Amino acid sequence: MSEGTVSLPWIVIRQDDNGNRYRVGRYATRAEAQKIADSLDDRGHDQLYWVECIGQNGDGARN
């Protein structure tokens, strides 16, 4: 990582009741991403929210 570059490896994913998935946002820490996912999940809608870490090759690992 070069100087001045911010790493945002944690993403929040949303899945709606039709099975469509969307990236909600990218975050620097797992705790930050989980806080966002939890706050969205607390709204009580049918959508699912979870946190994934994007690896060096761009693959996500669900957490």
C-alpha atoms as a PDB file:
ATOM      1  CA  MET A   1       0.000   0.000   0.000  1.00  0.00           C
ATOM      2  CA  SER A   2       1.444   3.363  -0.956  1.00  0.00           C
ATOM      3  CA  GLU A   3       1.474   6.407   1.281  1.00  0.00           C
ATOM      4  CA  GLY A   4      -1.856   8.238   1.267  1.00  0.00           C
ATOM      5  CA  THR A   5      -3.790   5.154   0.147  1.00  0.00           C
ATOM      6  CA  VAL A   6      -6.639   4.014   2.361  1.00  0.00           C
ATOM      7  CA  SER A   7      -7.425   0.317   2.561  1.00  0.00           C
ATOM      8  CA  LEU A   8     -11.136  -0.524   2.746  1.00  0.00           C
ATOM      9  CA  PRO A   9     -11.193  -4.333   2.731  1.00  0.00           C
ATOM     10  CA  TRP A  10     -14.487  -4.793   4.621  1.00  0.00           C
ATOM     11  CA  ILE A  11     -17.770  -4.562   2.734  1.00  0.00           C
ATOM     12  CA  VAL A  12     -21.406  -4.719   3.759  1.00  0.00           C
ATOM     13  CA  ILE A  13     -23.649  -6.729   1.438  1.00  0.00           C
ATOM     14  CA  ARG A  14     -27.433  -6.435   1.260  1.00  0.00           C
ATOM     15  CA  GLN A  15     -29.667  -9.182  -0.095  1.00  0.00           C
ATOM     16  CA  ASP A  16     -33.280  -8.287  -0.791  1.00  0.00           C
ATOM     17  CA  ASP A  17     -36.262 -10.627  -0.566  1.00  0.00           C
ATOM     18  CA  ASN A  18     -35.850 -11.497  -4.278  1.00  0.00           C
ATOM     19  CA  GLY A  19     -32.286 -12.737  -3.772  1.00  0.00           C
ATOM     20  CA  ASN A  20     -30.611  -9.719  -5.406  1.00  0.00           C
ATOM     21  CA  ARG A  21     -27.334  -8.716  -3.746  1.00  0.00           C
ATOM     22  CA  TYR A  22     -25.835  -5.241  -3.539  1.00  0.00           C
ATOM     23  CA  ARG A  23     -22.702  -3.750  -2.016  1.00  0.00           C
ATOM     24  CA  VAL A  24     -23.791  -1.176   0.563  1.00  0.00           C
ATOM     25  CA  GLY A  25     -20.360   0.246   1.367  1.00  0.00           C
ATOM     26  CA  ARG A  26     -16.666  -0.371   2.068  1.00  0.00           C
ATOM     27  CA  TYR A  27     -15.030   0.103   5.449  1.00  0.00           C
ATOM     28  CA  ALA A  28     -11.558   0.083   6.994  1.00  0.00           C
ATOM     29  CA  THR A  29     -12.371  -2.244   9.886  1.00  0.00           C
ATOM     30  CA  ARG A  30     -14.613  -5.222  10.454  1.00  0.00           C
ATOM     31  CA  ALA A  31     -16.075  -3.526  13.546  1.00  0.00           C
ATOM     32  CA  GLU A  32     -17.103  -0.475  11.517  1.00  0.00           C
ATOM     33  CA  ALA A  33     -18.677  -2.613   8.792  1.00  0.00           C
ATOM     34  CA  GLN A  34     -20.493  -4.786  11.350  1.00  0.00           C
ATOM     35  CA  LYS A  35     -21.879  -1.698  13.098  1.00  0.00           C
ATOM     36  CA  ILE A  36     -23.375  -0.507   9.795  1.00  0.00           C
ATOM     37  CA  ALA A  37     -24.755  -3.968   8.956  1.00  0.00           C
ATOM     38  CA  ASP A  38     -26.331  -4.272  12.415  1.00  0.00           C
ATOM     39  CA  SER A  39     -27.910  -0.817  12.243  1.00  0.00           C
ATOM     40  CA  LEU A  40     -29.415  -1.582   8.823  1.00  0.00           C
ATOM     41  CA  ASP A  41     -30.611  -5.000   9.983  1.00  0.00           C
ATOM     42  CA  ASP A  42     -32.306  -3.429  13.023  1.00  0.00           C
ATOM     43  CA  ARG A  43     -34.707  -1.579  10.716  1.00  0.00           C
ATOM     44  CA  GLY A  44     -36.793  -4.751  10.539  1.00  0.00           C
ATOM     45  CA  HIS A  45     -37.155  -5.122   6.772  1.00  0.00           C
ATOM     46  CA  ASP A  46     -36.916  -8.424   4.868  1.00  0.00           C
ATOM     47  CA  GLN A  47     -33.399  -7.670   3.620  1.00  0.00           C
ATOM     48  CA  LEU A  48     -30.355  -9.496   4.942  1.00  0.00           C
ATOM     49  CA  TYR A  49     -27.083  -7.704   5.681  1.00  0.00           C
ATOM     50  CA  TRP A  50     -23.659  -9.230   6.272  1.00  0.00           C
ATOM     51  CA  VAL A  51     -19.983  -8.343   6.290  1.00  0.00           C
ATOM     52  CA  GLU A  52     -17.335  -9.713   3.930  1.00  0.00           C
ATOM     53  CA  CYS A  53     -13.608  -9.111   3.661  1.00  0.00           C
ATOM     54  CA  ILE A  54     -12.252  -8.532   0.176  1.00  0.00           C
ATOM     55  CA  GLY A  55      -9.001 -10.438  -0.263  1.00  0.00           C
ATOM     56  CA  GLN A  56      -5.977  -9.278  -2.207  1.00  0.00           C
ATOM     57  CA  ASN A  57      -7.368 -10.914  -5.339  1.00  0.00           C
ATOM     58  CA  GLY A  58     -10.759  -9.207  -4.927  1.00  0.00           C
ATOM     59  CA  ASP A  59     -12.599 -12.267  -3.624  1.00  0.00           C
ATOM     60  CA  GLY A  60     -14.966 -11.810  -0.715  1.00  0.00           C
ATOM     61  CA  ALA A  61     -14.994 -14.007   2.354  1.00  0.00           C
ATOM     62  CA  ARG A  62     -18.275 -13.959   4.224  1.00  0.00           C
ATOM     63  CA  ASN A  63     -18.084 -13.244   7.943  1.00  0.00           C
END
